[in-house]
Amino acid sequence: MKAKEITLSAVLIALTLIILYLNLIFPISTISILTLASLLIPVALIRGSMKSAILVYISSSIIGFFLLPINIILLYILFFGIYGIVKYFIEKIKNIPLEILLKLIFFNMIFFISFFLFKSFIAIQITKLPLGIFWILAQVVFLVFDYALSLLITFYLERIHTKL
């Protein structure tokens, strides 16, 4: 990695941690904050390389583990951080129905792993809804999240990337 990529990665790591920390300061939706934090992995891919994106994800996860509440950092580690990389590889297929199917498969694997971890080991009540209803709602929220992340990436490419 070149010095420029390492510097970019360091800035993106710091921004990721700041954005995740904002969840503690401002009463904003946790999913909104995590979505903004998710954007920084694709930015690392666009401005740097896959190595930069992986460095940002791993470093943010490790540092965040020591600085942030366990529920926020686990959501970032298990899904929101890695999703930008997964999205990149899935969208290289260029077949929208297959892409959506693969994204849903990935999401559901992480959903059940996360649900089990949060319920069994961390003892955080996730929802008062029955699991089936919660699962259906989670599918819709995931699709909205994926679309929002795509819009944020497009906004970045059109408005910010070209000006930097």
N, C-alpha and C. Protein backbone atom coordinates (compact mmCIF):
# COMPACT_ATOMS: atom_id res chain seq x y z
N MET A 1 0.84 -1.18 0.00
CA MET A 1 0.00 0.00 0.00
C MET A 1 0.89 1.25 0.00
N LYS A 2 0.42 2.22 -0.74
CA LYS A 2 1.14 3.48 -0.80
C LYS A 2 0.74 4.36 0.37
N ALA A 3 1.57 5.37 0.63
CA ALA A 3 1.31 6.29 1.74
C ALA A 3 -0.05 6.98 1.58
N LYS A 4 -0.42 7.30 0.35
CA LYS A 4 -1.70 7.96 0.09
C LYS A 4 -2.88 7.07 0.52
N GLU A 5 -2.78 5.78 0.21
CA GLU A 5 -3.84 4.84 0.59
C GLU A 5 -3.90 4.65 2.11
N ILE A 6 -2.75 4.60 2.74
CA ILE A 6 -2.71 4.43 4.19
C ILE A 6 -3.31 5.66 4.88
N THR A 7 -2.97 6.83 4.36
CA THR A 7 -3.54 8.07 4.92
C THR A 7 -5.04 8.11 4.73
N LEU A 8 -5.49 7.78 3.53
CA LEU A 8 -6.92 7.72 3.25
C LEU A 8 -7.61 6.75 4.20
N SER A 9 -7.03 5.59 4.38
CA SER A 9 -7.60 4.58 5.28
C SER A 9 -7.69 5.10 6.71
N ALA A 10 -6.65 5.78 7.16
CA ALA A 10 -6.65 6.32 8.52
C ALA A 10 -7.75 7.36 8.70
N VAL A 11 -7.93 8.22 7.71
CA VAL A 11 -8.99 9.23 7.78
C VAL A 11 -10.35 8.56 7.80
N LEU A 12 -10.54 7.55 6.96
CA LEU A 12 -11.83 6.85 6.91
C LEU A 12 -12.10 6.06 8.19
N ILE A 13 -11.06 5.52 8.80
CA ILE A 13 -11.22 4.84 10.10
C ILE A 13 -11.69 5.84 11.15
N ALA A 14 -11.03 6.99 11.18
CA ALA A 14 -11.42 8.03 12.15
C ALA A 14 -12.85 8.49 11.91
N LEU A 15 -13.21 8.72 10.66
CA LEU A 15 -14.58 9.13 10.34
C LEU A 15 -15.60 8.06 10.72
N THR A 16 -15.26 6.82 10.48
CA THR A 16 -16.16 5.72 10.86
C THR A 16 -16.41 5.73 12.36
N LEU A 17 -15.36 5.85 13.12
CA LEU A 17 -15.51 5.85 14.58
C LEU A 17 -16.28 7.08 15.07
N ILE A 18 -16.04 8.22 14.46
CA ILE A 18 -16.78 9.42 14.83
C ILE A 18 -18.26 9.25 14.52
N ILE A 19 -18.56 8.73 13.34
CA ILE A 19 -19.97 8.53 12.96
C ILE A 19 -20.63 7.54 13.91
N LEU A 20 -19.96 6.44 14.21
CA LEU A 20 -20.54 5.46 15.14
C LEU A 20 -20.72 6.05 16.54
N TYR A 21 -19.79 6.89 16.94
CA TYR A 21 -19.89 7.52 18.26
C TYR A 21 -21.05 8.52 18.32
N LEU A 22 -21.40 9.11 17.19
CA LEU A 22 -22.53 10.05 17.15
C LEU A 22 -23.83 9.41 17.63
N ASN A 23 -23.92 8.11 17.49
CA ASN A 23 -25.11 7.41 17.96
C ASN A 23 -25.30 7.58 19.47
N LEU A 24 -24.20 7.76 20.20
CA LEU A 24 -24.29 7.96 21.65
C LEU A 24 -24.67 9.38 22.01
N ILE A 25 -24.30 10.33 21.15
CA ILE A 25 -24.50 11.75 21.45
C ILE A 25 -25.87 12.25 21.01
N PHE A 26 -26.26 11.89 19.80
CA PHE A 26 -27.51 12.39 19.23
C PHE A 26 -28.57 11.30 19.20
N PRO A 27 -29.81 11.66 19.51
CA PRO A 27 -30.89 10.66 19.47
C PRO A 27 -31.38 10.42 18.03
N ILE A 28 -30.46 9.95 17.20
CA ILE A 28 -30.76 9.66 15.80
C ILE A 28 -30.91 8.15 15.68
N SER A 29 -31.65 7.73 14.69
CA SER A 29 -31.83 6.30 14.43
C SER A 29 -30.48 5.59 14.31
N THR A 30 -30.35 4.51 15.03
CA THR A 30 -29.12 3.71 14.98
C THR A 30 -28.86 3.21 13.57
N ILE A 31 -29.92 2.81 12.87
CA ILE A 31 -29.74 2.30 11.50
C ILE A 31 -29.23 3.41 10.59
N SER A 32 -29.70 4.63 10.79
CA SER A 32 -29.22 5.75 9.96
C SER A 32 -27.72 5.98 10.18
N ILE A 33 -27.31 5.96 11.43
CA ILE A 33 -25.89 6.15 11.75
C ILE A 33 -25.06 5.01 11.17
N LEU A 34 -25.53 3.79 11.33
CA LEU A 34 -24.79 2.65 10.79
C LEU A 34 -24.74 2.67 9.27
N THR A 35 -25.79 3.19 8.63
CA THR A 35 -25.79 3.32 7.17
C THR A 35 -24.71 4.32 6.73
N LEU A 36 -24.62 5.44 7.44
CA LEU A 36 -23.56 6.42 7.11
C LEU A 36 -22.17 5.80 7.31
N ALA A 37 -22.02 5.04 8.39
CA ALA A 37 -20.73 4.38 8.63
C ALA A 37 -20.44 3.35 7.53
N SER A 38 -21.48 2.70 7.04
CA SER A 38 -21.32 1.71 5.96
C SER A 38 -20.81 2.35 4.68
N LEU A 39 -21.15 3.59 4.46
CA LEU A 39 -20.74 4.29 3.24
C LEU A 39 -19.23 4.41 3.13
N LEU A 40 -18.54 4.46 4.24
CA LEU A 40 -17.10 4.71 4.20
C LEU A 40 -16.29 3.53 3.66
N ILE A 41 -16.84 2.34 3.73
CA ILE A 41 -16.14 1.18 3.14
C ILE A 41 -16.16 1.29 1.61
N PRO A 42 -17.32 1.55 0.97
CA PRO A 42 -17.28 1.77 -0.48
C PRO A 42 -16.41 2.97 -0.89
N VAL A 43 -16.38 4.01 -0.06
CA VAL A 43 -15.50 5.14 -0.36
C VAL A 43 -14.04 4.68 -0.38
N ALA A 44 -13.68 3.82 0.55
CA ALA A 44 -12.31 3.26 0.56
C ALA A 44 -12.05 2.45 -0.70
N LEU A 45 -13.07 1.73 -1.17
CA LEU A 45 -12.93 0.95 -2.41
C LEU A 45 -12.76 1.88 -3.61
N ILE A 46 -13.54 2.95 -3.65
CA ILE A 46 -13.52 3.87 -4.79
C ILE A 46 -12.23 4.67 -4.82
N ARG A 47 -11.83 5.23 -3.70
CA ARG A 47 -10.66 6.11 -3.66
C ARG A 47 -9.35 5.33 -3.49
N GLY A 48 -9.44 4.15 -2.94
CA GLY A 48 -8.23 3.38 -2.67
C GLY A 48 -8.26 2.05 -3.40
N SER A 49 -8.39 0.99 -2.62
CA SER A 49 -8.38 -0.36 -3.18
C SER A 49 -9.13 -1.29 -2.21
N MET A 50 -9.19 -2.54 -2.59
CA MET A 50 -9.80 -3.54 -1.71
C MET A 50 -9.00 -3.64 -0.41
N LYS A 51 -7.70 -3.53 -0.49
CA LYS A 51 -6.87 -3.55 0.73
C LYS A 51 -7.26 -2.41 1.67
N SER A 52 -7.49 -1.23 1.10
CA SER A 52 -7.90 -0.08 1.91
C SER A 52 -9.23 -0.35 2.59
N ALA A 53 -10.18 -0.89 1.84
CA ALA A 53 -11.50 -1.16 2.40
C ALA A 53 -11.42 -2.18 3.53
N ILE A 54 -10.64 -3.22 3.34
CA ILE A 54 -10.48 -4.23 4.39
C ILE A 54 -9.77 -3.64 5.60
N LEU A 55 -8.76 -2.82 5.37
CA LEU A 55 -8.05 -2.15 6.47
C LEU A 55 -9.00 -1.26 7.27
N VAL A 56 -9.84 -0.49 6.58
CA VAL A 56 -10.80 0.38 7.25
C VAL A 56 -11.78 -0.46 8.07
N TYR A 57 -12.28 -1.53 7.48
CA TYR A 57 -13.25 -2.39 8.19
C TYR A 57 -12.63 -3.02 9.43
N ILE A 58 -11.50 -3.65 9.28
CA ILE A 58 -10.88 -4.37 10.40
C ILE A 58 -10.43 -3.40 11.49
N SER A 59 -9.78 -2.32 11.10
CA SER A 59 -9.28 -1.36 12.09
C SER A 59 -10.43 -0.68 12.83
N SER A 60 -11.46 -0.27 12.09
CA SER A 60 -12.62 0.36 12.73
C SER A 60 -13.28 -0.60 13.70
N SER A 61 -13.36 -1.85 13.31
CA SER A 61 -13.98 -2.87 14.16
C SER A 61 -13.19 -3.08 15.45
N ILE A 62 -11.88 -3.19 15.32
CA ILE A 62 -11.04 -3.43 16.50
C ILE A 62 -11.04 -2.22 17.43
N ILE A 63 -10.82 -1.05 16.88
CA ILE A 63 -10.78 0.16 17.72
C ILE A 63 -12.16 0.42 18.32
N GLY A 64 -13.20 0.26 17.50
CA GLY A 64 -14.57 0.48 17.97
C GLY A 64 -14.96 -0.46 19.10
N PHE A 65 -14.40 -1.66 19.07
CA PHE A 65 -14.69 -2.63 20.13
C PHE A 65 -14.30 -2.09 21.50
N PHE A 66 -13.26 -1.26 21.54
CA PHE A 66 -12.80 -0.69 22.81
C PHE A 66 -13.47 0.64 23.16
N LEU A 67 -14.05 1.32 22.16
CA LEU A 67 -14.58 2.66 22.39
C LEU A 67 -16.11 2.76 22.41
N LEU A 68 -16.78 1.81 21.81
CA LEU A 68 -18.22 1.93 21.59
C LEU A 68 -18.99 0.86 22.36
N PRO A 69 -20.28 1.10 22.57
CA PRO A 69 -21.09 0.07 23.21
C PRO A 69 -21.11 -1.22 22.38
N ILE A 70 -21.19 -2.33 23.05
CA ILE A 70 -21.07 -3.64 22.38
C ILE A 70 -22.16 -3.84 21.33
N ASN A 71 -23.39 -3.36 21.59
CA ASN A 71 -24.45 -3.59 20.61
C ASN A 71 -24.19 -2.84 19.31
N ILE A 72 -23.65 -1.63 19.37
CA ILE A 72 -23.38 -0.84 18.16
C ILE A 72 -22.21 -1.45 17.38
N ILE A 73 -21.13 -1.76 18.07
CA ILE A 73 -19.96 -2.26 17.36
C ILE A 73 -20.21 -3.67 16.81
N LEU A 74 -20.99 -4.47 17.51
CA LEU A 74 -21.30 -5.80 16.96
C LEU A 74 -22.14 -5.70 15.69
N LEU A 75 -23.09 -4.77 15.67
CA LEU A 75 -23.87 -4.57 14.44
C LEU A 75 -22.96 -4.12 13.30
N TYR A 76 -22.00 -3.26 13.62
CA TYR A 76 -21.05 -2.82 12.59
C TYR A 76 -20.16 -3.98 12.14
N ILE A 77 -19.63 -4.73 13.08
CA ILE A 77 -18.72 -5.83 12.74
C ILE A 77 -19.44 -6.92 11.94
N LEU A 78 -20.62 -7.32 12.42
CA LEU A 78 -21.31 -8.44 11.80
C LEU A 78 -21.93 -8.10 10.46
N PHE A 79 -22.41 -6.87 10.30
CA PHE A 79 -23.13 -6.58 9.07
C PHE A 79 -22.74 -5.26 8.40
N PHE A 80 -22.93 -4.15 9.07
CA PHE A 80 -22.83 -2.85 8.42
C PHE A 80 -21.43 -2.53 7.90
N GLY A 81 -20.41 -3.00 8.57
CA GLY A 81 -19.05 -2.74 8.10
C GLY A 81 -18.68 -3.58 6.90
N ILE A 82 -18.97 -4.85 6.96
CA ILE A 82 -18.56 -5.77 5.90
C ILE A 82 -19.48 -5.68 4.68
N TYR A 83 -20.68 -5.13 4.86
CA TYR A 83 -21.65 -5.15 3.77
C TYR A 83 -21.18 -4.39 2.53
N GLY A 84 -20.44 -3.31 2.70
CA GLY A 84 -19.94 -2.57 1.54
C GLY A 84 -19.05 -3.42 0.65
N ILE A 85 -18.26 -4.27 1.25
CA ILE A 85 -17.38 -5.17 0.49
C ILE A 85 -18.21 -6.26 -0.18
N VAL A 86 -19.15 -6.83 0.56
CA VAL A 86 -20.02 -7.87 0.00
C VAL A 86 -20.84 -7.30 -1.16
N LYS A 87 -21.38 -6.11 -0.96
CA LYS A 87 -22.17 -5.43 -2.00
C LYS A 87 -21.33 -5.23 -3.27
N TYR A 88 -20.10 -4.83 -3.10
CA TYR A 88 -19.20 -4.62 -4.24
C TYR A 88 -19.07 -5.90 -5.08
N PHE A 89 -18.81 -7.02 -4.43
CA PHE A 89 -18.63 -8.27 -5.16
C PHE A 89 -19.94 -8.76 -5.77
N ILE A 90 -21.03 -8.64 -5.04
CA ILE A 90 -22.32 -9.11 -5.57
C ILE A 90 -22.74 -8.26 -6.78
N GLU A 91 -22.53 -6.96 -6.72
CA GLU A 91 -22.98 -6.10 -7.81
C GLU A 91 -22.10 -6.19 -9.05
N LYS A 92 -20.98 -6.88 -8.96
CA LYS A 92 -20.16 -7.14 -10.15
C LYS A 92 -20.83 -8.17 -11.06
N ILE A 93 -21.82 -8.89 -10.56
CA ILE A 93 -22.51 -9.92 -11.33
C ILE A 93 -23.32 -9.31 -12.47
N LYS A 94 -23.90 -8.13 -12.24
CA LYS A 94 -24.70 -7.40 -13.24
C LYS A 94 -25.96 -8.17 -13.65
N ASN A 95 -26.58 -8.83 -12.69
CA ASN A 95 -27.86 -9.51 -12.90
C ASN A 95 -28.73 -9.17 -11.69
N ILE A 96 -29.61 -8.19 -11.83
CA ILE A 96 -30.31 -7.61 -10.67
C ILE A 96 -31.08 -8.66 -9.86
N PRO A 97 -31.88 -9.53 -10.47
CA PRO A 97 -32.58 -10.52 -9.62
C PRO A 97 -31.61 -11.41 -8.82
N LEU A 98 -30.54 -11.84 -9.45
CA LEU A 98 -29.55 -12.66 -8.76
C LEU A 98 -28.84 -11.86 -7.67
N GLU A 99 -28.54 -10.60 -7.95
CA GLU A 99 -27.91 -9.74 -6.95
C GLU A 99 -28.79 -9.61 -5.71
N ILE A 100 -30.08 -9.35 -5.93
CA ILE A 100 -31.01 -9.20 -4.81
C ILE A 100 -31.09 -10.49 -4.02
N LEU A 101 -31.16 -11.62 -4.71
CA LEU A 101 -31.22 -12.92 -4.04
C LEU A 101 -29.96 -13.15 -3.19
N LEU A 102 -28.80 -12.90 -3.76
CA LEU A 102 -27.55 -13.11 -3.02
C LEU A 102 -27.44 -12.16 -1.82
N LYS A 103 -27.86 -10.92 -2.00
CA LYS A 103 -27.84 -9.97 -0.89
C LYS A 103 -28.78 -10.42 0.22
N LEU A 104 -29.96 -10.91 -0.15
CA LEU A 104 -30.91 -11.40 0.86
C LEU A 104 -30.37 -12.64 1.58
N ILE A 105 -29.71 -13.51 0.84
CA ILE A 105 -29.11 -14.70 1.47
C ILE A 105 -28.04 -14.26 2.48
N PHE A 106 -27.17 -13.35 2.06
CA PHE A 106 -26.15 -12.85 2.98
C PHE A 106 -26.78 -12.21 4.20
N PHE A 107 -27.76 -11.33 3.97
CA PHE A 107 -28.42 -10.65 5.07
C PHE A 107 -29.05 -11.64 6.05
N ASN A 108 -29.73 -12.66 5.53
CA ASN A 108 -30.41 -13.61 6.41
C ASN A 108 -29.44 -14.46 7.20
N MET A 109 -28.31 -14.79 6.60
CA MET A 109 -27.29 -15.52 7.37
C MET A 109 -26.81 -14.67 8.54
N ILE A 110 -26.50 -13.42 8.26
CA ILE A 110 -26.03 -12.51 9.31
C ILE A 110 -27.14 -12.21 10.31
N PHE A 111 -28.37 -12.09 9.82
CA PHE A 111 -29.52 -11.81 10.69
C PHE A 111 -29.65 -12.89 11.77
N PHE A 112 -29.61 -14.15 11.35
CA PHE A 112 -29.79 -15.23 12.34
C PHE A 112 -28.57 -15.39 13.24
N ILE A 113 -27.39 -15.18 12.71
CA ILE A 113 -26.19 -15.21 13.55
C ILE A 113 -26.27 -14.09 14.59
N SER A 114 -26.62 -12.89 14.14
CA SER A 114 -26.72 -11.74 15.05
C SER A 114 -27.81 -11.96 16.09
N PHE A 115 -28.95 -12.45 15.64
CA PHE A 115 -30.07 -12.68 16.56
C PHE A 115 -29.64 -13.66 17.65
N PHE A 116 -28.97 -14.73 17.26
CA PHE A 116 -28.50 -15.73 18.22
C PHE A 116 -27.47 -15.12 19.18
N LEU A 117 -26.51 -14.36 18.65
CA LEU A 117 -25.48 -13.75 19.50
C LEU A 117 -26.09 -12.77 20.50
N PHE A 118 -26.95 -11.89 20.01
CA PHE A 118 -27.53 -10.88 20.88
C PHE A 118 -28.42 -11.52 21.94
N LYS A 119 -29.17 -12.53 21.55
CA LYS A 119 -30.09 -13.16 22.50
C LYS A 119 -29.35 -14.05 23.50
N SER A 120 -28.37 -14.78 23.05
CA SER A 120 -27.72 -15.77 23.91
C SER A 120 -26.58 -15.22 24.76
N PHE A 121 -25.71 -14.44 24.15
CA PHE A 121 -24.49 -14.05 24.84
C PHE A 121 -24.51 -12.64 25.42
N ILE A 122 -25.22 -11.76 24.77
CA ILE A 122 -25.21 -10.38 25.24
C ILE A 122 -26.44 -10.07 26.06
N ALA A 123 -27.45 -10.87 25.94
CA ALA A 123 -28.69 -10.74 26.71
C ALA A 123 -29.35 -9.38 26.52
N ILE A 124 -29.38 -8.93 25.27
CA ILE A 124 -30.07 -7.70 24.92
C ILE A 124 -31.38 -8.11 24.26
N GLN A 125 -32.48 -7.53 24.72
CA GLN A 125 -33.75 -7.82 24.08
C GLN A 125 -33.78 -7.10 22.74
N ILE A 126 -33.95 -7.84 21.68
CA ILE A 126 -33.90 -7.27 20.35
C ILE A 126 -35.24 -6.67 19.97
N THR A 127 -36.30 -7.37 20.22
CA THR A 127 -37.62 -6.91 19.84
C THR A 127 -38.67 -7.58 20.71
N LYS A 128 -39.82 -6.93 20.78
CA LYS A 128 -40.96 -7.54 21.47
C LYS A 128 -41.87 -8.24 20.48
N LEU A 129 -41.57 -8.09 19.20
CA LEU A 129 -42.36 -8.73 18.15
C LEU A 129 -42.04 -10.22 18.08
N PRO A 130 -42.99 -11.02 17.61
CA PRO A 130 -42.67 -12.43 17.35
C PRO A 130 -41.57 -12.51 16.27
N LEU A 131 -40.76 -13.54 16.35
CA LEU A 131 -39.61 -13.67 15.45
C LEU A 131 -40.01 -13.62 13.98
N GLY A 132 -41.09 -14.28 13.61
CA GLY A 132 -41.54 -14.30 12.22
C GLY A 132 -41.87 -12.91 11.69
N ILE A 133 -42.57 -12.13 12.46
CA ILE A 133 -42.93 -10.77 12.04
C ILE A 133 -41.67 -9.90 12.00
N PHE A 134 -40.84 -10.05 13.01
CA PHE A 134 -39.58 -9.29 13.05
C PHE A 134 -38.71 -9.62 11.83
N TRP A 135 -38.67 -10.89 11.45
CA TRP A 135 -37.88 -11.33 10.30
C TRP A 135 -38.41 -10.70 9.01
N ILE A 136 -39.72 -10.70 8.83
CA ILE A 136 -40.32 -10.10 7.63
C ILE A 136 -40.02 -8.60 7.57
N LEU A 137 -40.18 -7.92 8.69
CA LEU A 137 -39.87 -6.48 8.73
C LEU A 137 -38.39 -6.23 8.45
N ALA A 138 -37.54 -7.11 8.95
CA ALA A 138 -36.10 -6.96 8.73
C ALA A 138 -35.75 -7.06 7.24
N GLN A 139 -36.48 -7.89 6.50
CA GLN A 139 -36.22 -8.01 5.06
C GLN A 139 -36.49 -6.68 4.37
N VAL A 140 -37.61 -6.06 4.73
CA VAL A 140 -37.98 -4.77 4.13
C VAL A 140 -36.96 -3.70 4.52
N VAL A 141 -36.60 -3.66 5.79
CA VAL A 141 -35.62 -2.68 6.25
C VAL A 141 -34.28 -2.89 5.55
N PHE A 142 -33.88 -4.14 5.35
CA PHE A 142 -32.63 -4.41 4.64
C PHE A 142 -32.68 -3.89 3.21
N LEU A 143 -33.77 -4.14 2.51
CA LEU A 143 -33.88 -3.68 1.12
C LEU A 143 -33.85 -2.15 1.05
N VAL A 144 -34.49 -1.49 2.01
CA VAL A 144 -34.44 -0.02 2.07
C VAL A 144 -33.01 0.43 2.35
N PHE A 145 -32.34 -0.25 3.29
CA PHE A 145 -30.94 0.07 3.61
C PHE A 145 -30.05 -0.09 2.38
N ASP A 146 -30.20 -1.19 1.65
CA ASP A 146 -29.38 -1.42 0.46
C ASP A 146 -29.61 -0.33 -0.58
N TYR A 147 -30.87 0.04 -0.77
CA TYR A 147 -31.18 1.11 -1.72
C TYR A 147 -30.60 2.45 -1.25
N ALA A 148 -30.75 2.74 0.03
CA ALA A 148 -30.20 3.99 0.58
C ALA A 148 -28.69 4.03 0.45
N LEU A 149 -28.03 2.91 0.70
CA LEU A 149 -26.58 2.86 0.55
C LEU A 149 -26.18 3.08 -0.91
N SER A 150 -26.94 2.52 -1.84
CA SER A 150 -26.68 2.74 -3.26
C SER A 150 -26.83 4.22 -3.61
N LEU A 151 -27.87 4.85 -3.07
CA LEU A 151 -28.07 6.29 -3.31
C LEU A 151 -26.93 7.11 -2.73
N LEU A 152 -26.48 6.75 -1.53
CA LEU A 152 -25.35 7.47 -0.92
C LEU A 152 -24.07 7.30 -1.73
N ILE A 153 -23.84 6.11 -2.24
CA ILE A 153 -22.65 5.87 -3.06
C ILE A 153 -22.73 6.69 -4.35
N THR A 154 -23.92 6.70 -4.97
CA THR A 154 -24.11 7.50 -6.18
C THR A 154 -23.91 8.98 -5.90
N PHE A 155 -24.46 9.46 -4.78
CA PHE A 155 -24.26 10.85 -4.39
C PHE A 155 -22.78 11.16 -4.22
N TYR A 156 -22.08 10.27 -3.55
CA TYR A 156 -20.64 10.46 -3.35
C TYR A 156 -19.91 10.53 -4.69
N LEU A 157 -20.23 9.60 -5.59
CA LEU A 157 -19.55 9.56 -6.88
C LEU A 157 -19.83 10.82 -7.72
N GLU A 158 -21.07 11.27 -7.71
CA GLU A 158 -21.46 12.40 -8.55
C GLU A 158 -21.09 13.75 -7.96
N ARG A 159 -21.17 13.91 -6.66
CA ARG A 159 -21.02 15.22 -6.05
C ARG A 159 -19.71 15.44 -5.31
N ILE A 160 -19.13 14.39 -4.76
CA ILE A 160 -17.96 14.57 -3.91
C ILE A 160 -16.69 14.04 -4.57
N HIS A 161 -16.73 12.82 -5.08
CA HIS A 161 -15.54 12.17 -5.63
C HIS A 161 -14.91 12.99 -6.75
N THR A 162 -15.74 13.52 -7.61
CA THR A 162 -15.21 14.27 -8.76
C THR A 162 -14.58 15.60 -8.35
N LYS A 163 -14.92 16.09 -7.16
CA LYS A 163 -14.40 17.39 -6.72
C LYS A 163 -13.18 17.27 -5.81
N LEU A 164 -12.82 16.06 -5.44
CA LEU A 164 -11.66 15.88 -4.56
C LEU A 164 -10.42 15.52 -5.37
